[in-house]
């Protein structure tokens, strides 16, 4: 196993998580392959990828549940990982609790390690919407209630960062909304930073401020929600024999909102101006081979980045 070396240079302190070439090798595969991750304070960072892409492994490395094969981790601007991990709450895979105990009794047991008075426990249960479940045993909770209890347990000790692995997986639409609303509430009211893994793009898209796209263990891209929205706007896709010259002509004529899609251009403008654009380019000697309306949605973008 390669030694996990300390950071050689100081990394930006605006990041609560930063990794360099973080890698985890197993005998038959590389689960996490030299990823460079950046989670800013206040982010809801959505780690998106297919099942088996490396999301859970990456989270376990950050939490210290697994040891990296190589690479570097910095938490809250520090390489003192053991100390910094005390500022993190987590819910990895299935929430673990005592099925024969009530929500309060579960919280009380976990508070022995994480801290928390009876008053704080009751406040957390109220916050996650479990303050009125009384003596109902956790084993009889709905899946959504179990997820909320898991998040409440993760909140013991007042963490600055929550790492949640597939928190909405298997929930019905009502349960998904409950967890989504809870995450937004914690982020906005308590300033908690989140890293959330999911393969459910639609749900993650309702809360994430930044995305990390992971595929086959590699972090393909990090992109903010604003950047993603900008790239996924509707427009006119243009393919031509000289794409650079076509772009220059369009910009000279006032079509300045242009982005690239591979070997094509995407012009963000009134879609009724397609004939005008085609005539303009042809008159300037540009051979236009394609001019179509492109509805490029979030799902299309992620599928493209994941290579399918």
C-alpha atoms as a PDB file:
ATOM      1  CA  UNK A   1       0.000   0.000   0.000  1.00  0.00           C
ATOM      2  CA  UNK A   2       1.289   3.434  -0.919  1.00  0.00           C
ATOM      3  CA  UNK A   3       1.809   5.875   1.916  1.00  0.00           C
ATOM      4  CA  UNK A   4      -0.818   8.597   2.268  1.00  0.00           C
ATOM      5  CA  UNK A   5       1.444  11.620   2.443  1.00  0.00           C
ATOM      6  CA  UNK A   6       0.750  14.872   4.254  1.00  0.00           C
ATOM      7  CA  UNK A   7      -0.090  17.886   2.124  1.00  0.00           C
ATOM      8  CA  UNK A   8       3.083  19.445   0.800  1.00  0.00           C
ATOM      9  CA  UNK A   9       1.490  22.866   0.314  1.00  0.00           C
ATOM     10  CA  UNK A  10      -1.348  24.659   2.012  1.00  0.00           C
ATOM     11  CA  UNK A  11      -4.711  24.214   0.328  1.00  0.00           C
ATOM     12  CA  UNK A  12      -7.502  26.758   0.240  1.00  0.00           C
ATOM     13  CA  UNK A  13      -9.237  27.114   3.609  1.00  0.00           C
ATOM     14  CA  UNK A  14     -12.565  27.882   1.940  1.00  0.00           C
ATOM     15  CA  UNK A  15     -12.948  24.147   1.344  1.00  0.00           C
ATOM     16  CA  UNK A  16     -14.318  21.888   4.064  1.00  0.00           C
ATOM     17  CA  UNK A  17     -13.198  18.900   1.968  1.00  0.00           C
ATOM     18  CA  UNK A  18     -10.316  18.888  -0.476  1.00  0.00           C
ATOM     19  CA  UNK A  19      -8.569  15.849  -1.903  1.00  0.00           C
ATOM     20  CA  UNK A  20      -5.585  15.359  -4.176  1.00  0.00           C
ATOM     21  CA  UNK A  21      -5.198  12.205  -6.242  1.00  0.00           C
ATOM     22  CA  UNK A  22      -7.238  10.269  -3.681  1.00  0.00           C
ATOM     23  CA  UNK A  23      -7.130   6.597  -4.658  1.00  0.00           C
ATOM     24  CA  UNK A  24      -8.469   3.298  -3.340  1.00  0.00           C
ATOM     25  CA  UNK A  25      -7.359   0.066  -4.951  1.00  0.00           C
ATOM     26  CA  UNK A  26      -8.844  -3.346  -4.326  1.00  0.00           C
ATOM     27  CA  UNK A  27      -7.338  -6.586  -5.672  1.00  0.00           C
ATOM     28  CA  UNK A  28      -9.688  -6.697  -8.658  1.00  0.00           C
ATOM     29  CA  UNK A  29     -10.420  -3.009  -9.356  1.00  0.00           C
ATOM     30  CA  UNK A  30      -9.596   0.615  -8.640  1.00  0.00           C
ATOM     31  CA  UNK A  31     -12.707   1.897  -6.855  1.00  0.00           C
ATOM     32  CA  UNK A  32     -11.522   5.513  -6.528  1.00  0.00           C
ATOM     33  CA  UNK A  33      -8.983   6.696  -9.058  1.00  0.00           C
ATOM     34  CA  UNK A  34      -6.912   9.837  -8.320  1.00  0.00           C
ATOM     35  CA  UNK A  35      -9.836  12.140  -7.570  1.00  0.00           C
ATOM     36  CA  UNK A  36      -9.400  15.840  -6.819  1.00  0.00           C
ATOM     37  CA  UNK A  37     -12.489  16.959  -4.940  1.00  0.00           C
ATOM     38  CA  UNK A  38     -13.459  20.402  -3.643  1.00  0.00           C
ATOM     39  CA  UNK A  39     -16.398  21.002  -1.296  1.00  0.00           C
ATOM     40  CA  UNK A  40     -16.867  24.603  -0.210  1.00  0.00           C
ATOM     41  CA  UNK A  41     -18.311  25.743   3.095  1.00  0.00           C
ATOM     42  CA  UNK A  42     -22.091  26.093   2.726  1.00  0.00           C
ATOM     43  CA  UNK A  43     -22.293  23.824  -0.316  1.00  0.00           C
ATOM     44  CA  UNK A  44     -24.816  21.106  -0.913  1.00  0.00           C
ATOM     45  CA  UNK A  45     -22.395  19.018  -2.937  1.00  0.00           C
ATOM     46  CA  UNK A  46     -24.089  16.325  -4.978  1.00  0.00           C
ATOM     47  CA  UNK A  47     -21.859  13.370  -5.801  1.00  0.00           C
ATOM     48  CA  UNK A  48     -23.652  11.904  -8.796  1.00  0.00           C
ATOM     49  CA  UNK A  49     -22.893   8.643 -10.531  1.00  0.00           C
ATOM     50  CA  UNK A  50     -24.223   5.226 -11.430  1.00  0.00           C
ATOM     51  CA  UNK A  51     -24.359   2.409  -8.891  1.00  0.00           C
ATOM     52  CA  UNK A  52     -20.822   1.132  -8.397  1.00  0.00           C
ATOM     53  CA  UNK A  53     -19.205   4.339  -9.658  1.00  0.00           C
ATOM     54  CA  UNK A  54     -17.202   4.836  -6.434  1.00  0.00           C
ATOM     55  CA  UNK A  55     -19.444   7.261  -4.514  1.00  0.00           C
ATOM     56  CA  UNK A  56     -19.682   5.296  -1.264  1.00  0.00           C
ATOM     57  CA  UNK A  57     -15.995   4.374  -1.314  1.00  0.00           C
ATOM     58  CA  UNK A  58     -15.002   8.026  -1.725  1.00  0.00           C
ATOM     59  CA  UNK A  59     -17.156   8.971   1.255  1.00  0.00           C
ATOM     60  CA  UNK A  60     -15.708   6.194   3.393  1.00  0.00           C
ATOM     61  CA  UNK A  61     -12.191   7.390   2.594  1.00  0.00           C
ATOM     62  CA  UNK A  62     -13.062  10.927   3.649  1.00  0.00           C
ATOM     63  CA  UNK A  63     -14.650   9.662   6.873  1.00  0.00           C
ATOM     64  CA  UNK A  64     -11.728   7.369   7.706  1.00  0.00           C
ATOM     65  CA  UNK A  65     -13.821   4.200   7.468  1.00  0.00           C
ATOM     66  CA  UNK A  66     -11.410   3.029   4.763  1.00  0.00           C
ATOM     67  CA  UNK A  67      -7.755   3.840   4.352  1.00  0.00           C
ATOM     68  CA  UNK A  68      -6.651   5.303   1.007  1.00  0.00           C
ATOM     69  CA  UNK A  69      -4.166   3.451  -1.165  1.00  0.00           C
ATOM     70  CA  UNK A  70      -2.691   6.800  -2.198  1.00  0.00           C
ATOM     71  CA  UNK A  71      -3.468  10.486  -2.237  1.00  0.00           C
ATOM     72  CA  UNK A  72      -4.185  13.264   0.203  1.00  0.00           C
ATOM     73  CA  UNK A  73      -7.164  14.563   2.182  1.00  0.00           C
ATOM     74  CA  UNK A  74      -7.666  17.916   3.840  1.00  0.00           C
ATOM     75  CA  UNK A  75     -10.677  18.708   6.057  1.00  0.00           C
ATOM     76  CA  UNK A  76     -11.607  22.226   7.143  1.00  0.00           C
ATOM     77  CA  UNK A  77      -8.232  23.442   5.912  1.00  0.00           C
ATOM     78  CA  UNK A  78      -6.292  20.957   8.049  1.00  0.00           C
ATOM     79  CA  UNK A  79      -4.473  17.661   7.633  1.00  0.00           C
ATOM     80  CA  UNK A  80      -5.218  16.734  11.268  1.00  0.00           C
ATOM     81  CA  UNK A  81      -7.881  14.363  10.056  1.00  0.00           C
ATOM     82  CA  UNK A  82      -8.751  12.622  13.315  1.00  0.00           C
ATOM     83  CA  UNK A  83      -9.558  15.923  15.009  1.00  0.00           C
ATOM     84  CA  UNK A  84     -11.368  17.382  12.003  1.00  0.00           C
ATOM     85  CA  UNK A  85     -13.566  14.307  11.565  1.00  0.00           C
ATOM     86  CA  UNK A  86     -15.176  15.114  14.930  1.00  0.00           C
ATOM     87  CA  UNK A  87     -16.859  17.996  13.073  1.00  0.00           C
ATOM     88  CA  UNK A  88     -18.526  15.625  10.595  1.00  0.00           C
ATOM     89  CA  UNK A  89     -21.782  13.724  10.927  1.00  0.00           C
ATOM     90  CA  UNK A  90     -22.534  10.897   8.517  1.00  0.00           C
ATOM     91  CA  UNK A  91     -25.123   8.456   7.320  1.00  0.00           C
ATOM     92  CA  UNK A  92     -23.503   5.774   5.158  1.00  0.00           C
ATOM     93  CA  UNK A  93     -25.577   3.033   3.556  1.00  0.00           C
ATOM     94  CA  UNK A  94     -28.356   1.755   5.873  1.00  0.00           C
ATOM     95  CA  UNK A  95     -29.000   3.779   9.075  1.00  0.00           C
ATOM     96  CA  UNK A  96     -27.868   1.768  12.078  1.00  0.00           C
ATOM     97  CA  UNK A  97     -30.003   1.951  15.193  1.00  0.00           C
ATOM     98  CA  UNK A  98     -31.712  -0.165  17.844  1.00  0.00           C
ATOM     99  CA  UNK A  99     -35.016  -1.410  16.413  1.00  0.00           C
ATOM    100  CA  UNK A 100     -36.498  -2.188  19.822  1.00  0.00           C
ATOM    101  CA  UNK A 101     -35.899   1.344  21.113  1.00  0.00           C
ATOM    102  CA  UNK A 102     -37.794   4.590  20.598  1.00  0.00           C
ATOM    103  CA  UNK A 103     -36.353   7.504  18.668  1.00  0.00           C
ATOM    104  CA  UNK A 104     -35.367   9.224  21.928  1.00  0.00           C
ATOM    105  CA  UNK A 105     -33.782   6.045  23.326  1.00  0.00           C
ATOM    106  CA  UNK A 106     -31.755   5.611  20.146  1.00  0.00           C
ATOM    107  CA  UNK A 107     -30.557   9.187  20.327  1.00  0.00           C
ATOM    108  CA  UNK A 108     -29.681   8.756  23.995  1.00  0.00           C
ATOM    109  CA  UNK A 109     -27.534   5.709  23.259  1.00  0.00           C
ATOM    110  CA  UNK A 110     -25.654   7.420  20.454  1.00  0.00           C
ATOM    111  CA  UNK A 111     -25.192  10.575  22.529  1.00  0.00           C
ATOM    112  CA  UNK A 112     -22.869   8.650  24.841  1.00  0.00           C
ATOM    113  CA  UNK A 113     -20.264   8.887  22.082  1.00  0.00           C
ATOM    114  CA  UNK A 114     -21.261  12.093  20.304  1.00  0.00           C
ATOM    115  CA  UNK A 115     -22.574  14.131  23.221  1.00  0.00           C
ATOM    116  CA  UNK A 116     -25.950  15.764  23.669  1.00  0.00           C
ATOM    117  CA  UNK A 117     -28.240  16.522  26.613  1.00  0.00           C
ATOM    118  CA  UNK A 118     -31.855  15.363  26.807  1.00  0.00           C
ATOM    119  CA  UNK A 119     -32.944  18.853  25.811  1.00  0.00           C
ATOM    120  CA  UNK A 120     -30.673  18.829  22.748  1.00  0.00           C
ATOM    121  CA  UNK A 121     -31.924  15.374  21.772  1.00  0.00           C
ATOM    122  CA  UNK A 122     -35.545  16.526  21.967  1.00  0.00           C
ATOM    123  CA  UNK A 123     -34.710  19.641  19.941  1.00  0.00           C
ATOM    124  CA  UNK A 124     -33.079  17.517  17.235  1.00  0.00           C
ATOM    125  CA  UNK A 125     -36.022  15.127  17.109  1.00  0.00           C
ATOM    126  CA  UNK A 126     -38.373  18.093  16.770  1.00  0.00           C
ATOM    127  CA  UNK A 127     -36.160  19.549  14.053  1.00  0.00           C
ATOM    128  CA  UNK A 128     -36.269  16.388  11.929  1.00  0.00           C
ATOM    129  CA  UNK A 129     -39.987  15.908  12.507  1.00  0.00           C
ATOM    130  CA  UNK A 130     -39.825  13.015  14.981  1.00  0.00           C
ATOM    131  CA  UNK A 131     -40.698  14.886  18.139  1.00  0.00           C
ATOM    132  CA  UNK A 132     -44.200  13.433  18.342  1.00  0.00           C
ATOM    133  CA  UNK A 133     -43.572   9.729  17.720  1.00  0.00           C
ATOM    134  CA  UNK A 134     -43.727   8.946  21.440  1.00  0.00           C
ATOM    135  CA  UNK A 135     -43.013   5.335  22.398  1.00  0.00           C
ATOM    136  CA  UNK A 136     -43.193   3.912  18.893  1.00  0.00           C
ATOM    137  CA  UNK A 137     -40.253   1.566  18.324  1.00  0.00           C
ATOM    138  CA  UNK A 138     -37.793   2.409  15.570  1.00  0.00           C
ATOM    139  CA  UNK A 139     -38.271  -1.010  14.016  1.00  0.00           C
ATOM    140  CA  UNK A 140     -41.832   0.020  13.130  1.00  0.00           C
ATOM    141  CA  UNK A 141     -40.826   3.327  11.509  1.00  0.00           C
ATOM    142  CA  UNK A 142     -41.420   3.975   7.827  1.00  0.00           C
ATOM    143  CA  UNK A 143     -38.326   4.178   5.636  1.00  0.00           C
ATOM    144  CA  UNK A 144     -38.592   7.964   5.597  1.00  0.00           C
ATOM    145  CA  UNK A 145     -38.791   8.084   9.400  1.00  0.00           C
ATOM    146  CA  UNK A 146     -35.748   5.821   9.637  1.00  0.00           C
ATOM    147  CA  UNK A 147     -33.791   8.134   7.351  1.00  0.00           C
ATOM    148  CA  UNK A 148     -34.798  11.149   9.437  1.00  0.00           C
ATOM    149  CA  UNK A 149     -33.751   9.348  12.625  1.00  0.00           C
ATOM    150  CA  UNK A 150     -30.421   8.505  10.985  1.00  0.00           C
ATOM    151  CA  UNK A 151     -29.917  12.174  10.118  1.00  0.00           C
ATOM    152  CA  UNK A 152     -30.865  13.204  13.677  1.00  0.00           C
ATOM    153  CA  UNK A 153     -28.230  10.800  15.040  1.00  0.00           C
ATOM    154  CA  UNK A 154     -25.701  12.238  12.576  1.00  0.00           C
ATOM    155  CA  UNK A 155     -26.520  15.721  13.926  1.00  0.00           C
ATOM    156  CA  UNK A 156     -25.476  14.822  17.472  1.00  0.00           C
ATOM    157  CA  UNK A 157     -22.455  16.884  18.434  1.00  0.00           C
ATOM    158  CA  UNK A 158     -23.552  19.800  16.210  1.00  0.00           C
ATOM    159  CA  UNK A 159     -21.432  18.906  13.136  1.00  0.00           C
ATOM    160  CA  UNK A 160     -20.456  21.475  10.523  1.00  0.00           C
ATOM    161  CA  UNK A 161     -20.595  18.926   7.707  1.00  0.00           C
ATOM    162  CA  UNK A 162     -22.973  16.062   6.965  1.00  0.00           C
ATOM    163  CA  UNK A 163     -22.028  13.263   4.575  1.00  0.00           C
ATOM    164  CA  UNK A 164     -25.094  11.321   3.423  1.00  0.00           C
ATOM    165  CA  UNK A 165     -24.925   8.271   1.193  1.00  0.00           C
ATOM    166  CA  UNK A 166     -28.057   7.836  -0.953  1.00  0.00           C
ATOM    167  CA  UNK A 167     -30.386   9.358   1.682  1.00  0.00           C
ATOM    168  CA  UNK A 168     -33.446   9.230  -0.617  1.00  0.00           C
ATOM    169  CA  UNK A 169     -32.861   5.793  -2.122  1.00  0.00           C
ATOM    170  CA  UNK A 170     -35.970   3.635  -1.865  1.00  0.00           C
ATOM    171  CA  UNK A 171     -38.226   6.390  -0.545  1.00  0.00           C
ATOM    172  CA  UNK A 172     -41.642   7.173  -1.957  1.00  0.00           C
ATOM    173  CA  UNK A 173     -42.261  10.731  -3.299  1.00  0.00           C
ATOM    174  CA  UNK A 174     -43.491  11.946   0.104  1.00  0.00           C
ATOM    175  CA  UNK A 175     -40.433  10.554   1.862  1.00  0.00           C
ATOM    176  CA  UNK A 176     -38.131  12.091  -0.750  1.00  0.00           C
ATOM    177  CA  UNK A 177     -39.692  15.498  -0.190  1.00  0.00           C
ATOM    178  CA  UNK A 178     -39.367  15.172   3.590  1.00  0.00           C
ATOM    179  CA  UNK A 179     -35.643  14.415   3.367  1.00  0.00           C
ATOM    180  CA  UNK A 180     -35.091  17.096   0.710  1.00  0.00           C
ATOM    181  CA  UNK A 181     -36.849  19.730   2.836  1.00  0.00           C
ATOM    182  CA  UNK A 182     -34.860  18.674   5.897  1.00  0.00           C
ATOM    183  CA  UNK A 183     -31.540  19.020   4.069  1.00  0.00           C
ATOM    184  CA  UNK A 184     -32.474  22.488   2.800  1.00  0.00           C
ATOM    185  CA  UNK A 185     -33.607  23.503   6.281  1.00  0.00           C
ATOM    186  CA  UNK A 186     -30.335  22.384   7.881  1.00  0.00           C
ATOM    187  CA  UNK A 187     -28.317  24.117   5.176  1.00  0.00           C
ATOM    188  CA  UNK A 188     -30.205  27.410   5.358  1.00  0.00           C
ATOM    189  CA  UNK A 189     -31.016  27.657   9.054  1.00  0.00           C
ATOM    190  CA  UNK A 190     -27.990  26.005  10.640  1.00  0.00           C
ATOM    191  CA  UNK A 191     -25.363  26.582   7.937  1.00  0.00           C
ATOM    192  CA  UNK A 192     -24.566  22.862   7.619  1.00  0.00           C
ATOM    193  CA  UNK A 193     -22.490  21.896   4.590  1.00  0.00           C
ATOM    194  CA  UNK A 194     -23.533  18.688   2.828  1.00  0.00           C
ATOM    195  CA  UNK A 195     -21.986  16.038   0.655  1.00  0.00           C
ATOM    196  CA  UNK A 196     -24.757  13.823  -0.703  1.00  0.00           C
ATOM    197  CA  UNK A 197     -24.338  10.872  -3.029  1.00  0.00           C
ATOM    198  CA  UNK A 198     -27.099   9.783  -5.373  1.00  0.00           C
ATOM    199  CA  UNK A 199     -27.871   8.250  -8.726  1.00  0.00           C
ATOM    200  CA  UNK A 200     -31.270  10.031  -8.784  1.00  0.00           C
ATOM    201  CA  UNK A 201     -30.484  13.130 -10.804  1.00  0.00           C
ATOM    202  CA  UNK A 202     -33.937  14.691 -10.675  1.00  0.00           C
ATOM    203  CA  UNK A 203     -34.060  14.704  -6.880  1.00  0.00           C
ATOM    204  CA  UNK A 204     -30.465  15.830  -6.418  1.00  0.00           C
ATOM    205  CA  UNK A 205     -31.066  18.605  -8.923  1.00  0.00           C
ATOM    206  CA  UNK A 206     -33.653  20.144  -6.588  1.00  0.00           C
ATOM    207  CA  UNK A 207     -31.147  20.860  -3.813  1.00  0.00           C
ATOM    208  CA  UNK A 208     -27.531  20.647  -5.008  1.00  0.00           C
ATOM    209  CA  UNK A 209     -25.459  23.816  -5.348  1.00  0.00           C
ATOM    210  CA  UNK A 210     -22.456  21.967  -6.811  1.00  0.00           C
ATOM    211  CA  UNK A 211     -22.067  18.609  -8.530  1.00  0.00           C
ATOM    212  CA  UNK A 212     -19.227  16.139  -8.645  1.00  0.00           C
ATOM    213  CA  UNK A 213     -19.727  13.668 -11.492  1.00  0.00           C
ATOM    214  CA  UNK A 214     -18.046  10.332 -10.815  1.00  0.00           C
ATOM    215  CA  UNK A 215     -17.726   7.434 -13.246  1.00  0.00           C
ATOM    216  CA  UNK A 216     -15.717   4.215 -12.870  1.00  0.00           C
ATOM    217  CA  UNK A 217     -13.895   5.692  -9.901  1.00  0.00           C
ATOM    218  CA  UNK A 218     -12.853   8.877 -11.710  1.00  0.00           C
ATOM    219  CA  UNK A 219     -14.156  12.340 -10.883  1.00  0.00           C
ATOM    220  CA  UNK A 220     -15.139  13.407 -14.386  1.00  0.00           C
ATOM    221  CA  UNK A 221     -16.100  16.978 -13.548  1.00  0.00           C
ATOM    222  CA  UNK A 222     -17.084  19.401 -10.809  1.00  0.00           C
ATOM    223  CA  UNK A 223     -19.674  21.981 -11.858  1.00  0.00           C
ATOM    224  CA  UNK A 224     -21.871  24.482 -10.007  1.00  0.00           C
ATOM    225  CA  UNK A 225     -25.636  24.425 -10.388  1.00  0.00           C
ATOM    226  CA  UNK A 226     -25.460  27.821 -12.097  1.00  0.00           C
ATOM    227  CA  UNK A 227     -22.886  26.609 -14.619  1.00  0.00           C
ATOM    228  CA  UNK A 228     -24.953  23.515 -15.302  1.00  0.00           C
ATOM    229  CA  UNK A 229     -28.099  25.550 -15.862  1.00  0.00           C
ATOM    230  CA  UNK A 230     -26.244  27.817 -18.262  1.00  0.00           C
ATOM    231  CA  UNK A 231     -24.932  24.877 -20.269  1.00  0.00           C
ATOM    232  CA  UNK A 232     -28.347  23.253 -20.477  1.00  0.00           C
ATOM    233  CA  UNK A 233     -30.276  26.162 -21.919  1.00  0.00           C
ATOM    234  CA  UNK A 234     -32.293  25.692 -25.072  1.00  0.00           C
ATOM    235  CA  UNK A 235     -30.676  26.942 -28.263  1.00  0.00           C
ATOM    236  CA  UNK A 236     -29.930  26.471 -31.937  1.00  0.00           C
ATOM    237  CA  UNK A 237     -27.282  23.871 -32.680  1.00  0.00           C
ATOM    238  CA  UNK A 238     -25.149  24.723 -35.713  1.00  0.00           C
ATOM    239  CA  UNK A 239     -22.668  22.484 -37.517  1.00  0.00           C
ATOM    240  CA  UNK A 240     -20.640  24.017 -40.355  1.00  0.00           C
ATOM    241  CA  UNK A 241     -17.486  23.533 -42.388  1.00  0.00           C
ATOM    242  CA  UNK A 242     -15.656  26.336 -40.530  1.00  0.00           C
ATOM    243  CA  UNK A 243     -17.105  26.544 -37.053  1.00  0.00           C
ATOM    244  CA  UNK A 244     -14.698  29.187 -35.777  1.00  0.00           C
ATOM    245  CA  UNK A 245     -15.440  31.497 -38.691  1.00  0.00           C
ATOM    246  CA  UNK A 246     -19.168  30.874 -38.227  1.00  0.00           C
ATOM    247  CA  UNK A 247     -18.890  31.898 -34.583  1.00  0.00           C
ATOM    248  CA  UNK A 248     -17.019  35.090 -35.492  1.00  0.00           C
ATOM    249  CA  UNK A 249     -19.660  36.030 -38.093  1.00  0.00           C
ATOM    250  CA  UNK A 250     -22.514  35.427 -35.672  1.00  0.00           C
ATOM    251  CA  UNK A 251     -20.888  37.501 -32.940  1.00  0.00           C
ATOM    252  CA  UNK A 252     -20.251  40.369 -35.370  1.00  0.00           C
ATOM    253  CA  UNK A 253     -23.968  40.274 -36.194  1.00  0.00           C
ATOM    254  CA  UNK A 254     -25.061  40.510 -32.568  1.00  0.00           C
ATOM    255  CA  UNK A 255     -25.466  36.829 -31.640  1.00  0.00           C
ATOM    256  CA  UNK A 256     -23.104  36.986 -28.686  1.00  0.00           C
ATOM    257  CA  UNK A 257     -24.541  34.268 -26.418  1.00  0.00           C
ATOM    258  CA  UNK A 258     -22.789  31.272 -27.972  1.00  0.00           C
ATOM    259  CA  UNK A 259     -21.316  28.123 -26.426  1.00  0.00           C
ATOM    260  CA  UNK A 260     -19.596  25.079 -27.887  1.00  0.00           C
ATOM    261  CA  UNK A 261     -21.043  21.563 -28.047  1.00  0.00           C
ATOM    262  CA  UNK A 262     -18.204  19.400 -29.275  1.00  0.00           C
ATOM    263  CA  UNK A 263     -17.644  20.318 -32.934  1.00  0.00           C
ATOM    264  CA  UNK A 264     -20.842  22.378 -33.056  1.00  0.00           C
ATOM    265  CA  UNK A 265     -22.075  25.743 -31.786  1.00  0.00           C
ATOM    266  CA  UNK A 266     -25.068  26.352 -29.568  1.00  0.00           C
ATOM    267  CA  UNK A 267     -26.567  29.806 -30.124  1.00  0.00           C
ATOM    268  CA  UNK A 268     -28.830  30.963 -27.304  1.00  0.00           C
ATOM    269  CA  UNK A 269     -31.375  33.199 -28.999  1.00  0.00           C
ATOM    270  CA  UNK A 270     -34.991  33.416 -30.095  1.00  0.00           C
ATOM    271  CA  UNK A 271     -35.580  30.106 -31.860  1.00  0.00           C
ATOM    272  CA  UNK A 272     -37.599  31.825 -34.589  1.00  0.00           C
ATOM    273  CA  UNK A 273     -34.364  33.394 -35.870  1.00  0.00           C
ATOM    274  CA  UNK A 274     -33.043  30.121 -37.272  1.00  0.00           C
ATOM    275  CA  UNK A 275     -33.767  31.092 -40.904  1.00  0.00           C
ATOM    276  CA  UNK A 276     -32.061  34.451 -40.366  1.00  0.00           C
ATOM    277  CA  UNK A 277     -28.950  32.765 -38.970  1.00  0.00           C
ATOM    278  CA  UNK A 278     -28.817  30.225 -41.794  1.00  0.00           C
ATOM    279  CA  UNK A 279     -29.111  32.959 -44.453  1.00  0.00           C
ATOM    280  CA  UNK A 280     -26.443  35.058 -42.748  1.00  0.00           C
ATOM    281  CA  UNK A 281     -23.909  32.238 -42.670  1.00  0.00           C
ATOM    282  CA  UNK A 282     -24.602  31.055 -46.229  1.00  0.00           C
ATOM    283  CA  UNK A 283     -24.211  34.601 -47.594  1.00  0.00           C
ATOM    284  CA  UNK A 284     -20.824  34.772 -45.852  1.00  0.00           C
ATOM    285  CA  UNK A 285     -19.696  31.577 -47.587  1.00  0.00           C
ATOM    286  CA  UNK A 286     -20.205  29.185 -44.654  1.00  0.00           C
ATOM    287  CA  UNK A 287     -21.561  25.743 -45.551  1.00  0.00           C
ATOM    288  CA  UNK A 288     -24.119  24.890 -42.854  1.00  0.00           C
ATOM    289  CA  UNK A 289     -24.599  21.137 -42.470  1.00  0.00           C
ATOM    290  CA  UNK A 290     -26.931  21.247 -39.485  1.00  0.00           C
ATOM    291  CA  UNK A 291     -29.196  23.816 -37.849  1.00  0.00           C
ATOM    292  CA  UNK A 292     -31.549  22.311 -35.290  1.00  0.00           C
ATOM    293  CA  UNK A 293     -33.286  23.229 -32.046  1.00  0.00           C
ATOM    294  CA  UNK A 294     -31.456  21.620 -29.154  1.00  0.00           C
ATOM    295  CA  UNK A 295     -33.278  20.923 -25.898  1.00  0.00           C
ATOM    296  CA  UNK A 296     -30.262  19.978 -23.826  1.00  0.00           C
ATOM    297  CA  UNK A 297     -31.487  18.948 -20.373  1.00  0.00           C
ATOM    298  CA  UNK A 298     -29.669  18.057 -17.157  1.00  0.00           C
ATOM    299  CA  UNK A 299     -30.073  14.356 -17.822  1.00  0.00           C
ATOM    300  CA  UNK A 300     -28.601  14.702 -21.312  1.00  0.00           C
ATOM    301  CA  UNK A 301     -25.614  16.547 -19.888  1.00  0.00           C
ATOM    302  CA  UNK A 302     -24.869  13.935 -17.260  1.00  0.00           C
ATOM    303  CA  UNK A 303     -25.325  11.046 -19.653  1.00  0.00           C
ATOM    304  CA  UNK A 304     -22.857  12.705 -22.010  1.00  0.00           C
ATOM    305  CA  UNK A 305     -20.329  13.234 -19.216  1.00  0.00           C
ATOM    306  CA  UNK A 306     -20.707   9.633 -18.093  1.00  0.00           C
ATOM    307  CA  UNK A 307     -19.912   8.423 -21.583  1.00  0.00           C
ATOM    308  CA  UNK A 308     -23.278   6.893 -22.494  1.00  0.00           C
END
